[in-house]
Amino acid sequence: MTETRGRLANRRIALGITGSIAAYKAIELIRILQTEGADVRVLMTPSAVEFIGTLTVETLSRHPVDSDLLSLQGDGRIGHIAAAHDVEAIVVAPATAHWLGAMANGLASDTITAACLATSVPVVVAPAMDGGMYSHPATQANVARLREFGYEIVDPENGVLASGMTGQGRLAALTRIVDAVVEALDGAPAAVTLPAAAMPAGFAAQPVDSTPAESAAASRMTAPSRNDLAGRHVVVTAGGTAEPIDPVRFVGNRSTGKMGIAVAEEALDRGAAVTLLLGHHSVEPPDGAHLVHVETVAEMQAALRAFTPPEGPLFNILIMAAAVSDFRPRHVADRKLGRGHGLKLELEPTPDLLAETAERVKAAAGAHGRHPVLVGFAAEVGDLDRASEKLRAKGVDMIVANDVTEEGSGFGTDTNRVTIYATDAPPEQLPMLSKREVAELLLDRVVVRLGGTVRPDTAGAADNAPNPEAPVSVEAGR
């Protein structure tokens, strides 16, 4: 029998996600467990579903989520009872104070507590909550009781919490949680792989006595990897544009390019061919991306048109994170203007590149209406009320909006607090995250959409992606 590599090779793990703000980190925990070779099934409390939904979790785990205590599986079995007996370990991460209390007192009010009550396999619990909640005597008593049950508790870490305060309550590093699972299973034999007809409902069979090529193919079918964008061409716009007043001065904005470059880096790490249309920036672009340097809105427009010819776009995903100028001087001086008695500028609006590009892409898609995934960014001031209307007006699949006046969420920061607006889902507010974390979660959602929105004739768009070593000429209208 060919074995899957990793410390959790051929292990069946149930991951329980409860309603903590740290629930978003469970997405990455699924990936790490899978990288270690585990087959991951997910149980969620109703409040966890409110935080992160089920679509991304089901897509990444390749299994239906069990979130309803009263639901039955397709074969008629009770979901949480099946999970209790089909897996070799249960991991609860994040675990809220409410869940710890319910579990310590045997209150089976959700699928996770019910599965833990019904199982005899190791249980690993990683709490996450506000520091005051975790230090409260009631919570500490519940944690102590779970330890008495034999549960492995991965204590939370000290740091800045969602409330803005500092204390012990941050979800433990995901590597610590995985290490605890490995240790809990240390010495226990891996489960025997069953033929497909004998596999429990909800689990995918692995090939027995298969060739390495067959095992690799099965792995790709049952679990995503960091190469989930392999074979895709991603075009990202980043940085700010500069509209000349004269040969020295320009009208610009405060964009540094950090957000768009973070998206490009994440796409590269996931195996994509990446073209970066880069305006003014203050951070280094990633190695491996094909760079197209642009100065003005007109140059950005010309570059986007080059990638959206009438016969169809040359990409699978377009993410427009650049801060494109809304206005430009109507007249540009051919020599440096003197101070004189001041300067009066007449400005004209620039083209709406996001809406224009979306229109070109959809026109090329034709009657079937399927097209590459289109994502725009919206820098708002004060509130995000206009973002939903922009999603409709621009004709894109997603708008990522943030309030640039919020501390830690504006231009030049290493962090961002965004809300993702999508045509097929309610707005999703993310907490304050690093821009790389925002990029990762955004691309998680893009990967989910790829199944239904990529045109058949763009499936190989990466083959048409420019060679990173080859120059690109952009001819602007001005």
Foldseek 3Di string as FASTA:
>chain_A
DDWDAALQIQFEEEEEEEQDLCSVCVLVLLQVCVVRHYQYAYEYEPNSCVAPNFLLVCVFNVFGYHWDQPDADPVRHRVLLCVQPQGQEYEYPADELVNLLCLLVQNCPTSRSVSVVNHDHAYEYWYADDQVSCPDPSSVVSVVSVVVVVHHYDWADWDQHLVRDTHGGHTPDSVSRVVVVSVSCPPPDRDDFDPQVPRPPRDGGADDPDDPVSRVVVSVVRHPHLQLQALFEEEEEFEKAWAAQEPPHTDIDQAARLLRLLLQVSSVSNRHAYEYAYEHHDDDHDPRHQYDYDHAPLLVLQVLCVQQDLLAGLGQEYEYEYDHDQKHFPDHYHHDDDCPPHDDTDIDGDDPSLLVSLVSRQNNLPDVRFGHAYEYEEAAAPDCVCVQVCCVNSNGFKYKYFHQVDPQAHHPHQWHWTWIDGPVDHIRTRGIDGSSVVSNVVVSVSSSCSVPRHRPVNSNSSVVRDDSVDDDDGDGPD
